[in-house]
């Protein structure tokens, strides 16, 4: 299977490569490195990426930014960071990708535990994660040509705790290798419209 992996150089991306690369061809995509580059906030950049990667069997997105900040200080512009990047970036990966993906292929997007388990300063992330899950559910019943779409929702990743652990007091971190198994389940399984929670 040819898998296009957006966010290949990140902590989760590297774990996905370790999990899947012995069984599949992985096309590594990043902002500035890898086999191809993409800015997921730009539809034109997404189109250029797909033109470079060519036809594929699965798209996995392990990328997407959103703004953390106290609710009383948040502005529309700060909410729009997550909407343009983690939400619409992933939506556009699907909308444009449907023109390039092979029949019976799959899309796997990423949300996160904050969709249902919020933390202080995370309202934007909770909002965007829930929207990603809602999009995949709604899209799953309209996917053409036997295509599938799922979401992986990881809790905070163990390897990132030193950087973000102060935000996630009381959360049980998940090793990236365990998170990668959820992506394997989505890509290599047959389910669609699911949220695979890696907790």
N, C-alpha and C. Protein backbone atom coordinates (compact mmCIF):
# COMPACT_ATOMS: atom_id res chain seq x y z
N UNK A 1 0.85 -1.18 0.00
CA UNK A 1 0.00 0.00 0.00
C UNK A 1 0.89 1.25 0.00
N UNK A 2 0.52 2.25 -0.77
CA UNK A 2 1.24 3.52 -0.78
C UNK A 2 0.51 4.50 0.13
N UNK A 3 1.20 4.92 1.19
CA UNK A 3 0.60 5.78 2.21
C UNK A 3 1.29 7.14 2.20
N UNK A 4 0.51 8.19 2.02
CA UNK A 4 1.02 9.56 2.13
C UNK A 4 0.85 9.99 3.58
N UNK A 5 1.95 10.30 4.24
CA UNK A 5 1.93 10.66 5.66
C UNK A 5 2.30 12.12 5.83
N UNK A 6 1.33 12.95 6.18
CA UNK A 6 1.55 14.36 6.44
C UNK A 6 1.88 14.53 7.93
N UNK A 7 2.99 15.19 8.20
CA UNK A 7 3.46 15.30 9.57
C UNK A 7 4.44 14.19 9.92
N UNK A 8 5.16 13.74 8.91
CA UNK A 8 6.03 12.57 9.07
C UNK A 8 7.18 12.78 10.04
N UNK A 9 7.62 14.03 10.21
CA UNK A 9 8.80 14.28 11.04
C UNK A 9 8.46 14.52 12.51
N UNK A 10 7.19 14.59 12.85
CA UNK A 10 6.79 14.80 14.23
C UNK A 10 6.91 13.55 15.07
N UNK A 11 6.68 13.69 16.36
CA UNK A 11 6.79 12.56 17.28
C UNK A 11 5.85 11.42 16.89
N UNK A 12 4.59 11.74 16.64
CA UNK A 12 3.63 10.71 16.24
C UNK A 12 3.93 10.23 14.83
N UNK A 13 4.30 11.14 13.94
CA UNK A 13 4.63 10.76 12.58
C UNK A 13 5.74 9.73 12.52
N UNK A 14 6.78 9.94 13.30
CA UNK A 14 7.89 8.98 13.33
C UNK A 14 7.44 7.63 13.86
N UNK A 15 6.55 7.64 14.84
CA UNK A 15 6.03 6.38 15.38
C UNK A 15 5.18 5.65 14.35
N UNK A 16 4.42 6.40 13.55
CA UNK A 16 3.62 5.79 12.49
C UNK A 16 4.53 5.13 11.45
N UNK A 17 5.62 5.81 11.10
CA UNK A 17 6.58 5.24 10.16
C UNK A 17 7.14 3.93 10.71
N UNK A 18 7.51 3.93 11.99
CA UNK A 18 8.05 2.71 12.60
C UNK A 18 7.04 1.57 12.57
N UNK A 19 5.76 1.90 12.72
CA UNK A 19 4.72 0.88 12.74
C UNK A 19 4.40 0.34 11.35
N UNK A 20 4.39 1.19 10.35
CA UNK A 20 3.86 0.80 9.04
C UNK A 20 4.90 0.59 7.93
N UNK A 21 6.10 1.11 8.10
CA UNK A 21 7.04 1.14 6.97
C UNK A 21 7.54 -0.23 6.54
N UNK A 22 7.48 -1.22 7.42
CA UNK A 22 7.95 -2.54 7.00
C UNK A 22 6.92 -3.28 6.16
N UNK A 23 5.70 -2.76 6.12
CA UNK A 23 4.62 -3.40 5.36
C UNK A 23 4.15 -2.57 4.17
N UNK A 24 4.46 -1.27 4.17
CA UNK A 24 3.91 -0.37 3.16
C UNK A 24 4.96 0.64 2.71
N UNK A 25 4.69 1.25 1.54
CA UNK A 25 5.52 2.36 1.06
C UNK A 25 5.00 3.64 1.70
N UNK A 26 5.87 4.35 2.41
CA UNK A 26 5.48 5.59 3.08
C UNK A 26 6.07 6.78 2.32
N UNK A 27 5.20 7.69 1.89
CA UNK A 27 5.64 8.96 1.30
C UNK A 27 5.62 9.98 2.42
N UNK A 28 6.80 10.41 2.84
CA UNK A 28 6.93 11.32 3.98
C UNK A 28 6.72 12.77 3.54
N UNK A 29 5.78 13.45 4.20
CA UNK A 29 5.45 14.83 3.84
C UNK A 29 5.60 15.71 5.09
N UNK A 30 6.26 16.85 4.92
CA UNK A 30 6.42 17.80 6.02
C UNK A 30 6.28 19.22 5.53
N UNK A 31 6.41 20.17 6.44
CA UNK A 31 6.34 21.58 6.06
C UNK A 31 7.54 21.97 5.20
N UNK A 32 8.71 21.45 5.56
CA UNK A 32 9.92 21.86 4.84
C UNK A 32 10.82 20.71 4.43
N UNK A 33 10.52 19.50 4.88
CA UNK A 33 11.36 18.35 4.54
C UNK A 33 10.54 17.18 4.06
N UNK A 34 11.21 16.05 3.88
CA UNK A 34 10.53 14.85 3.45
C UNK A 34 10.54 14.67 1.95
N UNK A 35 9.75 13.71 1.48
CA UNK A 35 9.64 13.41 0.05
C UNK A 35 8.84 14.48 -0.69
N UNK A 36 7.96 15.16 0.03
CA UNK A 36 7.17 16.26 -0.52
C UNK A 36 6.89 17.22 0.63
N UNK A 37 6.54 18.46 0.28
CA UNK A 37 6.27 19.48 1.28
C UNK A 37 4.83 20.00 1.11
N UNK A 38 4.24 20.44 2.22
CA UNK A 38 2.90 21.01 2.15
C UNK A 38 2.68 21.99 3.29
N UNK A 39 1.95 23.04 2.96
CA UNK A 39 1.38 23.95 3.95
C UNK A 39 -0.12 23.66 3.95
N UNK A 40 -0.62 22.98 4.98
CA UNK A 40 -2.01 22.53 4.92
C UNK A 40 -3.01 23.67 5.05
N UNK A 41 -2.55 24.88 5.34
CA UNK A 41 -3.46 26.03 5.35
C UNK A 41 -3.71 26.56 3.94
N UNK A 42 -2.98 26.03 2.95
CA UNK A 42 -3.09 26.50 1.57
C UNK A 42 -3.60 25.39 0.67
N UNK A 43 -4.77 25.60 0.08
CA UNK A 43 -5.32 24.61 -0.85
C UNK A 43 -4.39 24.41 -2.04
N UNK A 44 -3.76 25.49 -2.52
CA UNK A 44 -2.83 25.37 -3.64
C UNK A 44 -1.64 24.49 -3.28
N UNK A 45 -1.14 24.65 -2.06
CA UNK A 45 -0.02 23.83 -1.61
C UNK A 45 -0.42 22.36 -1.52
N UNK A 46 -1.63 22.10 -1.06
CA UNK A 46 -2.13 20.72 -0.98
C UNK A 46 -2.23 20.12 -2.38
N UNK A 47 -2.74 20.90 -3.34
CA UNK A 47 -2.82 20.42 -4.72
C UNK A 47 -1.44 20.08 -5.27
N UNK A 48 -0.47 20.94 -5.00
CA UNK A 48 0.90 20.69 -5.46
C UNK A 48 1.48 19.43 -4.83
N UNK A 49 1.19 19.22 -3.56
CA UNK A 49 1.67 18.01 -2.89
C UNK A 49 1.13 16.76 -3.56
N UNK A 50 -0.18 16.73 -3.82
CA UNK A 50 -0.77 15.55 -4.44
C UNK A 50 -0.26 15.34 -5.86
N UNK A 51 0.00 16.42 -6.57
CA UNK A 51 0.56 16.28 -7.92
C UNK A 51 1.94 15.63 -7.85
N UNK A 52 2.69 15.93 -6.80
CA UNK A 52 4.03 15.36 -6.63
C UNK A 52 3.97 13.91 -6.17
N UNK A 53 3.06 13.60 -5.24
CA UNK A 53 3.00 12.24 -4.70
C UNK A 53 2.35 11.27 -5.67
N UNK A 54 1.45 11.76 -6.52
CA UNK A 54 0.76 10.87 -7.44
C UNK A 54 -0.32 10.06 -6.74
N UNK A 55 -0.87 9.08 -7.44
CA UNK A 55 -1.94 8.25 -6.89
C UNK A 55 -1.44 7.51 -5.65
N UNK A 56 -2.35 7.28 -4.70
CA UNK A 56 -1.97 6.64 -3.44
C UNK A 56 -3.15 5.85 -2.90
N UNK A 57 -2.88 5.07 -1.86
CA UNK A 57 -3.91 4.21 -1.29
C UNK A 57 -4.44 4.70 0.06
N UNK A 58 -3.63 5.47 0.77
CA UNK A 58 -4.06 5.98 2.07
C UNK A 58 -3.38 7.31 2.35
N UNK A 59 -4.12 8.20 2.95
CA UNK A 59 -3.57 9.48 3.43
C UNK A 59 -3.73 9.49 4.94
N UNK A 60 -2.62 9.73 5.64
CA UNK A 60 -2.65 9.89 7.08
C UNK A 60 -2.15 11.28 7.41
N UNK A 61 -2.92 12.04 8.17
CA UNK A 61 -2.48 13.35 8.62
C UNK A 61 -2.23 13.30 10.12
N UNK A 62 -0.97 13.49 10.48
CA UNK A 62 -0.58 13.59 11.90
C UNK A 62 -0.04 14.99 12.17
N UNK A 63 -0.68 15.98 11.56
CA UNK A 63 -0.26 17.37 11.69
C UNK A 63 -1.48 18.24 11.95
N UNK A 64 -1.24 19.44 12.43
CA UNK A 64 -2.32 20.39 12.64
C UNK A 64 -2.11 21.22 13.88
N UNK A 65 -2.16 22.53 13.72
CA UNK A 65 -1.91 23.46 14.82
C UNK A 65 -3.20 24.13 15.28
N UNK A 66 -3.22 24.52 16.54
CA UNK A 66 -4.29 25.34 17.10
C UNK A 66 -3.69 26.14 18.25
N UNK A 67 -4.37 27.21 18.64
CA UNK A 67 -3.82 28.13 19.64
C UNK A 67 -4.32 27.79 21.04
N UNK A 68 -3.40 27.72 21.99
CA UNK A 68 -3.73 27.58 23.40
C UNK A 68 -3.73 28.97 24.04
N UNK A 69 -4.77 29.26 24.82
CA UNK A 69 -4.81 30.54 25.51
C UNK A 69 -6.02 30.64 26.41
N UNK A 70 -6.00 31.51 27.42
CA UNK A 70 -7.14 31.66 28.33
C UNK A 70 -8.36 32.20 27.59
N UNK A 71 -9.50 31.63 27.90
CA UNK A 71 -10.74 31.99 27.21
C UNK A 71 -10.99 33.49 27.22
N UNK A 72 -10.73 34.14 28.35
CA UNK A 72 -11.04 35.56 28.48
C UNK A 72 -10.14 36.45 27.64
N UNK A 73 -9.08 35.88 27.09
CA UNK A 73 -8.17 36.66 26.26
C UNK A 73 -8.17 36.21 24.80
N UNK A 74 -8.94 35.17 24.49
CA UNK A 74 -8.97 34.67 23.12
C UNK A 74 -9.70 35.64 22.20
N UNK A 75 -9.23 35.72 20.96
CA UNK A 75 -9.87 36.54 19.94
C UNK A 75 -10.25 35.65 18.75
N UNK A 76 -11.04 36.21 17.86
CA UNK A 76 -11.42 35.46 16.66
C UNK A 76 -10.17 35.02 15.88
N UNK A 77 -9.19 35.90 15.79
CA UNK A 77 -7.97 35.55 15.04
C UNK A 77 -7.29 34.33 15.62
N UNK A 78 -7.28 34.22 16.95
CA UNK A 78 -6.61 33.08 17.58
C UNK A 78 -7.41 31.80 17.37
N UNK A 79 -8.73 31.88 17.37
CA UNK A 79 -9.54 30.70 17.04
C UNK A 79 -9.34 30.29 15.59
N UNK A 80 -9.16 31.28 14.72
CA UNK A 80 -9.00 30.99 13.30
C UNK A 80 -7.72 30.21 13.00
N UNK A 81 -6.72 30.29 13.86
CA UNK A 81 -5.49 29.51 13.65
C UNK A 81 -5.84 28.03 13.56
N UNK A 82 -6.59 27.53 14.54
CA UNK A 82 -6.98 26.12 14.53
C UNK A 82 -7.96 25.78 13.42
N UNK A 83 -8.87 26.72 13.14
CA UNK A 83 -9.86 26.47 12.09
C UNK A 83 -9.18 26.34 10.74
N UNK A 84 -8.25 27.24 10.43
CA UNK A 84 -7.57 27.21 9.12
C UNK A 84 -6.57 26.05 9.01
N UNK A 85 -5.95 25.71 10.15
CA UNK A 85 -4.88 24.72 10.11
C UNK A 85 -5.41 23.32 10.41
N UNK A 86 -5.69 23.03 11.67
CA UNK A 86 -6.03 21.65 12.04
C UNK A 86 -7.38 21.20 11.48
N UNK A 87 -8.34 22.12 11.35
CA UNK A 87 -9.65 21.73 10.81
C UNK A 87 -9.66 21.78 9.29
N UNK A 88 -9.63 22.97 8.71
CA UNK A 88 -9.78 23.07 7.26
C UNK A 88 -8.57 22.49 6.52
N UNK A 89 -7.39 22.51 7.16
CA UNK A 89 -6.25 21.85 6.53
C UNK A 89 -6.54 20.38 6.29
N UNK A 90 -7.09 19.71 7.30
CA UNK A 90 -7.40 18.28 7.15
C UNK A 90 -8.60 18.06 6.23
N UNK A 91 -9.60 18.93 6.33
CA UNK A 91 -10.75 18.82 5.43
C UNK A 91 -10.28 18.93 3.97
N UNK A 92 -9.42 19.89 3.69
CA UNK A 92 -8.94 20.07 2.32
C UNK A 92 -8.04 18.93 1.86
N UNK A 93 -7.30 18.31 2.79
CA UNK A 93 -6.54 17.12 2.41
C UNK A 93 -7.47 16.04 1.88
N UNK A 94 -8.67 15.95 2.45
CA UNK A 94 -9.65 14.97 1.98
C UNK A 94 -10.31 15.43 0.67
N UNK A 95 -10.79 16.67 0.64
CA UNK A 95 -11.51 17.14 -0.54
C UNK A 95 -10.64 17.10 -1.80
N UNK A 96 -9.41 17.57 -1.69
CA UNK A 96 -8.51 17.52 -2.85
C UNK A 96 -8.01 16.10 -3.07
N UNK A 97 -7.76 15.39 -1.97
CA UNK A 97 -7.21 14.04 -2.07
C UNK A 97 -8.14 13.05 -2.75
N UNK A 98 -9.45 13.27 -2.68
CA UNK A 98 -10.39 12.35 -3.32
C UNK A 98 -10.18 12.27 -4.83
N UNK A 99 -9.57 13.29 -5.40
CA UNK A 99 -9.30 13.29 -6.84
C UNK A 99 -8.07 12.44 -7.19
N UNK A 100 -7.27 12.08 -6.18
CA UNK A 100 -6.01 11.39 -6.43
C UNK A 100 -5.93 10.00 -5.81
N UNK A 101 -6.77 9.72 -4.82
CA UNK A 101 -6.69 8.46 -4.11
C UNK A 101 -7.28 7.32 -4.93
N UNK A 102 -6.69 6.14 -4.79
CA UNK A 102 -7.19 4.97 -5.49
C UNK A 102 -8.50 4.49 -4.90
N UNK A 103 -9.28 3.75 -5.70
CA UNK A 103 -10.52 3.15 -5.21
C UNK A 103 -10.24 2.33 -3.96
N UNK A 104 -11.19 2.33 -3.02
CA UNK A 104 -11.11 1.57 -1.76
C UNK A 104 -10.03 2.11 -0.83
N UNK A 105 -9.53 3.31 -1.10
CA UNK A 105 -8.50 3.90 -0.25
C UNK A 105 -9.09 4.49 1.02
N UNK A 106 -8.21 5.08 1.85
CA UNK A 106 -8.68 5.61 3.13
C UNK A 106 -7.97 6.90 3.50
N UNK A 107 -8.67 7.71 4.27
CA UNK A 107 -8.13 8.91 4.88
C UNK A 107 -8.18 8.74 6.40
N UNK A 108 -7.09 9.07 7.07
CA UNK A 108 -7.06 9.04 8.52
C UNK A 108 -6.61 10.41 9.01
N UNK A 109 -7.50 11.09 9.74
CA UNK A 109 -7.23 12.42 10.27
C UNK A 109 -6.90 12.33 11.76
N UNK A 110 -6.51 13.45 12.34
CA UNK A 110 -6.15 13.46 13.75
C UNK A 110 -6.93 14.54 14.49
N UNK A 111 -7.54 14.13 15.61
CA UNK A 111 -8.17 15.10 16.51
C UNK A 111 -7.38 15.10 17.81
N UNK A 112 -7.98 14.69 18.91
CA UNK A 112 -7.27 14.64 20.18
C UNK A 112 -8.25 14.55 21.33
N UNK A 113 -7.75 14.13 22.48
CA UNK A 113 -8.61 13.86 23.63
C UNK A 113 -9.37 15.09 24.11
N UNK A 114 -8.88 16.29 23.79
CA UNK A 114 -9.54 17.50 24.29
C UNK A 114 -10.93 17.71 23.70
N UNK A 115 -11.30 16.95 22.67
CA UNK A 115 -12.66 17.06 22.14
C UNK A 115 -13.69 16.69 23.18
N UNK A 116 -13.31 15.82 24.12
CA UNK A 116 -14.26 15.42 25.16
C UNK A 116 -13.71 15.48 26.56
N UNK A 117 -12.45 15.91 26.69
CA UNK A 117 -11.79 15.97 28.00
C UNK A 117 -10.97 17.26 28.07
N UNK A 118 -11.65 18.40 28.25
CA UNK A 118 -10.99 19.70 28.09
C UNK A 118 -10.00 20.01 29.21
N UNK A 119 -9.10 20.94 28.89
CA UNK A 119 -8.13 21.44 29.85
C UNK A 119 -8.16 22.97 29.82
N UNK A 120 -7.65 23.62 30.87
CA UNK A 120 -7.56 25.09 30.84
C UNK A 120 -6.73 25.56 29.65
N UNK A 121 -7.15 26.65 29.05
CA UNK A 121 -6.49 27.28 27.91
C UNK A 121 -6.66 26.49 26.60
N UNK A 122 -7.52 25.46 26.61
CA UNK A 122 -7.63 24.61 25.43
C UNK A 122 -8.94 24.69 24.67
N UNK A 123 -9.72 25.77 24.86
CA UNK A 123 -11.04 25.83 24.22
C UNK A 123 -10.96 25.75 22.70
N UNK A 124 -9.96 26.39 22.12
CA UNK A 124 -9.81 26.35 20.66
C UNK A 124 -9.50 24.94 20.18
N UNK A 125 -8.63 24.25 20.92
CA UNK A 125 -8.25 22.90 20.54
C UNK A 125 -9.44 21.95 20.70
N UNK A 126 -10.19 22.08 21.79
CA UNK A 126 -11.38 21.26 21.99
C UNK A 126 -12.37 21.45 20.84
N UNK A 127 -12.59 22.71 20.46
CA UNK A 127 -13.52 23.03 19.39
C UNK A 127 -13.10 22.40 18.07
N UNK A 128 -11.84 22.57 17.72
CA UNK A 128 -11.35 22.07 16.43
C UNK A 128 -11.34 20.55 16.41
N UNK A 129 -10.91 19.93 17.51
CA UNK A 129 -10.88 18.46 17.55
C UNK A 129 -12.28 17.88 17.36
N UNK A 130 -13.27 18.46 18.03
CA UNK A 130 -14.64 17.98 17.89
C UNK A 130 -15.14 18.18 16.46
N UNK A 131 -14.74 19.28 15.83
CA UNK A 131 -15.16 19.55 14.46
C UNK A 131 -14.54 18.55 13.48
N UNK A 132 -13.29 18.19 13.68
CA UNK A 132 -12.64 17.19 12.83
C UNK A 132 -13.40 15.87 12.91
N UNK A 133 -13.76 15.47 14.13
CA UNK A 133 -14.50 14.22 14.31
C UNK A 133 -15.88 14.29 13.66
N UNK A 134 -16.55 15.44 13.78
CA UNK A 134 -17.85 15.61 13.15
C UNK A 134 -17.77 15.57 11.64
N UNK A 135 -16.73 16.19 11.08
CA UNK A 135 -16.54 16.15 9.63
C UNK A 135 -16.37 14.71 9.15
N UNK A 136 -15.52 13.95 9.80
CA UNK A 136 -15.27 12.58 9.35
C UNK A 136 -16.53 11.73 9.43
N UNK A 137 -17.30 11.90 10.50
CA UNK A 137 -18.54 11.15 10.63
C UNK A 137 -19.50 11.48 9.49
N UNK A 138 -19.68 12.78 9.24
CA UNK A 138 -20.58 13.19 8.16
C UNK A 138 -20.08 12.79 6.79
N UNK A 139 -18.78 12.92 6.56
CA UNK A 139 -18.21 12.58 5.26
C UNK A 139 -18.26 11.08 4.99
N UNK A 140 -18.19 10.28 6.05
CA UNK A 140 -18.08 8.83 5.87
C UNK A 140 -19.27 8.24 5.13
N UNK A 141 -20.44 8.83 5.26
CA UNK A 141 -21.63 8.26 4.61
C UNK A 141 -21.78 8.71 3.16
N UNK A 142 -20.85 9.60 2.71
CA UNK A 142 -20.92 10.08 1.33
C UNK A 142 -19.66 9.77 0.52
N UNK A 143 -18.72 9.05 1.11
CA UNK A 143 -17.47 8.81 0.40
C UNK A 143 -17.71 7.94 -0.84
N UNK A 144 -17.19 8.37 -1.99
CA UNK A 144 -17.40 7.60 -3.23
C UNK A 144 -16.39 6.46 -3.37
N UNK A 145 -16.61 5.58 -4.30
CA UNK A 145 -15.65 4.56 -4.76
C UNK A 145 -15.12 3.66 -3.64
N UNK A 146 -15.94 3.43 -2.62
CA UNK A 146 -15.50 2.57 -1.54
C UNK A 146 -14.47 3.18 -0.62
N UNK A 147 -14.30 4.50 -0.68
CA UNK A 147 -13.32 5.17 0.18
C UNK A 147 -13.78 5.18 1.63
N UNK A 148 -12.80 5.19 2.53
CA UNK A 148 -13.09 5.23 3.96
C UNK A 148 -12.45 6.48 4.57
N UNK A 149 -13.00 6.90 5.72
CA UNK A 149 -12.41 8.01 6.48
C UNK A 149 -12.60 7.76 7.96
N UNK A 150 -11.53 7.94 8.73
CA UNK A 150 -11.56 7.78 10.18
C UNK A 150 -10.72 8.88 10.82
N UNK A 151 -10.81 8.93 12.15
CA UNK A 151 -10.04 9.89 12.94
C UNK A 151 -9.33 9.13 14.06
N UNK A 152 -8.09 9.49 14.33
CA UNK A 152 -7.39 9.02 15.52
C UNK A 152 -7.39 10.16 16.53
N UNK A 153 -7.79 9.85 17.76
CA UNK A 153 -7.86 10.85 18.83
C UNK A 153 -6.94 10.41 19.96
N UNK A 154 -5.70 10.87 19.96
CA UNK A 154 -4.78 10.47 21.02
C UNK A 154 -4.88 11.38 22.25
N UNK A 155 -4.58 10.80 23.40
CA UNK A 155 -4.35 11.62 24.58
C UNK A 155 -2.95 12.23 24.44
N UNK A 156 -2.55 13.04 25.38
CA UNK A 156 -1.22 13.65 25.32
C UNK A 156 -0.17 12.55 25.19
N UNK A 157 0.78 12.77 24.31
CA UNK A 157 1.79 11.76 24.00
C UNK A 157 2.92 11.83 25.03
N UNK A 158 3.32 10.66 25.50
CA UNK A 158 4.33 10.55 26.56
C UNK A 158 5.60 11.32 26.21
N UNK A 159 6.03 11.22 24.96
CA UNK A 159 7.27 11.86 24.54
C UNK A 159 7.18 13.38 24.50
N UNK A 160 5.96 13.92 24.59
CA UNK A 160 5.77 15.38 24.56
C UNK A 160 5.52 15.98 25.93
N UNK A 161 5.52 15.16 26.96
CA UNK A 161 5.15 15.65 28.29
C UNK A 161 6.09 16.72 28.82
N UNK A 162 7.37 16.63 28.50
CA UNK A 162 8.30 17.64 28.99
C UNK A 162 7.95 19.02 28.46
N UNK A 163 7.41 19.05 27.24
CA UNK A 163 7.07 20.32 26.59
C UNK A 163 5.69 20.84 27.00
N UNK A 164 4.71 19.94 27.10
CA UNK A 164 3.32 20.39 27.31
C UNK A 164 2.68 19.83 28.58
N UNK A 165 3.45 19.12 29.38
CA UNK A 165 2.87 18.43 30.53
C UNK A 165 2.16 19.33 31.52
N UNK A 166 2.58 20.58 31.64
CA UNK A 166 1.92 21.48 32.60
C UNK A 166 0.47 21.77 32.24
N UNK A 167 0.12 21.60 30.95
CA UNK A 167 -1.27 21.79 30.52
C UNK A 167 -2.13 20.57 30.84
N UNK A 168 -1.51 19.42 30.99
CA UNK A 168 -2.25 18.15 31.05
C UNK A 168 -2.12 17.49 32.42
N UNK A 169 -2.28 18.27 33.48
CA UNK A 169 -2.23 17.72 34.83
C UNK A 169 -3.32 16.66 35.00
N UNK A 170 -2.93 15.49 35.51
CA UNK A 170 -3.89 14.42 35.76
C UNK A 170 -4.15 13.52 34.58
N UNK A 171 -3.69 13.89 33.39
CA UNK A 171 -3.86 13.03 32.22
C UNK A 171 -2.81 11.94 32.22
N UNK A 172 -3.18 10.77 31.74
CA UNK A 172 -2.24 9.67 31.63
C UNK A 172 -1.64 9.70 30.22
N UNK A 173 -0.36 10.01 30.08
CA UNK A 173 0.24 10.10 28.75
C UNK A 173 0.32 8.74 28.06
N UNK A 174 0.27 8.78 26.74
CA UNK A 174 0.28 7.56 25.93
C UNK A 174 1.57 7.51 25.12
N UNK A 175 2.28 6.40 25.12
CA UNK A 175 3.48 6.30 24.29
C UNK A 175 3.13 6.45 22.81
N UNK A 176 3.99 7.12 22.07
CA UNK A 176 3.73 7.34 20.64
C UNK A 176 3.55 6.03 19.89
N UNK A 177 4.28 4.99 20.29
CA UNK A 177 4.14 3.69 19.62
C UNK A 177 2.74 3.13 19.77
N UNK A 178 2.10 3.38 20.93
CA UNK A 178 0.74 2.92 21.14
C UNK A 178 -0.23 3.74 20.30
N UNK A 179 0.01 5.04 20.21
CA UNK A 179 -0.82 5.88 19.34
C UNK A 179 -0.75 5.40 17.90
N UNK A 180 0.45 5.01 17.46
CA UNK A 180 0.64 4.56 16.08
C UNK A 180 -0.23 3.35 15.76
N UNK A 181 -0.53 2.52 16.74
CA UNK A 181 -1.38 1.35 16.51
C UNK A 181 -2.78 1.76 16.07
N UNK A 182 -3.26 2.90 16.59
CA UNK A 182 -4.59 3.37 16.18
C UNK A 182 -4.60 3.76 14.71
N UNK A 183 -3.49 4.35 14.24
CA UNK A 183 -3.40 4.68 12.81
C UNK A 183 -3.34 3.41 11.98
N UNK A 184 -2.64 2.40 12.47
CA UNK A 184 -2.60 1.12 11.78
C UNK A 184 -4.00 0.53 11.66
N UNK A 185 -4.76 0.60 12.74
CA UNK A 185 -6.13 0.07 12.72
C UNK A 185 -6.98 0.77 11.68
N UNK A 186 -6.82 2.08 11.56
CA UNK A 186 -7.59 2.84 10.58
C UNK A 186 -7.17 2.51 9.16
N UNK A 187 -5.85 2.51 8.91
CA UNK A 187 -5.34 2.31 7.55
C UNK A 187 -5.53 0.88 7.09
N UNK A 188 -5.24 -0.07 7.96
CA UNK A 188 -5.20 -1.48 7.54
C UNK A 188 -6.49 -2.23 7.83
N UNK A 189 -7.43 -1.58 8.51
CA UNK A 189 -8.71 -2.21 8.79
C UNK A 189 -9.75 -1.90 7.72
N UNK A 190 -11.02 -2.13 8.06
CA UNK A 190 -12.10 -1.93 7.11
C UNK A 190 -13.15 -0.95 7.60
N UNK A 191 -13.00 -0.44 8.81
CA UNK A 191 -14.01 0.45 9.38
C UNK A 191 -13.94 1.85 8.77
N UNK A 192 -15.07 2.55 8.83
CA UNK A 192 -15.13 3.94 8.35
C UNK A 192 -16.06 4.72 9.26
N UNK A 193 -15.80 6.04 9.35
CA UNK A 193 -16.62 6.90 10.18
C UNK A 193 -16.35 6.74 11.66
N UNK A 194 -15.18 6.17 12.00
CA UNK A 194 -14.86 5.89 13.39
C UNK A 194 -13.88 6.90 13.98
N UNK A 195 -13.92 7.03 15.29
CA UNK A 195 -12.90 7.76 16.03
C UNK A 195 -12.17 6.73 16.89
N UNK A 196 -10.91 6.50 16.56
CA UNK A 196 -10.11 5.54 17.32
C UNK A 196 -9.37 6.32 18.41
N UNK A 197 -9.74 6.08 19.66
CA UNK A 197 -9.20 6.85 20.78
C UNK A 197 -7.99 6.12 21.36
N UNK A 198 -6.84 6.76 21.29
CA UNK A 198 -5.61 6.20 21.83
C UNK A 198 -5.38 6.77 23.22
N UNK A 199 -5.82 6.05 24.23
CA UNK A 199 -5.74 6.54 25.61
C UNK A 199 -5.05 5.52 26.50
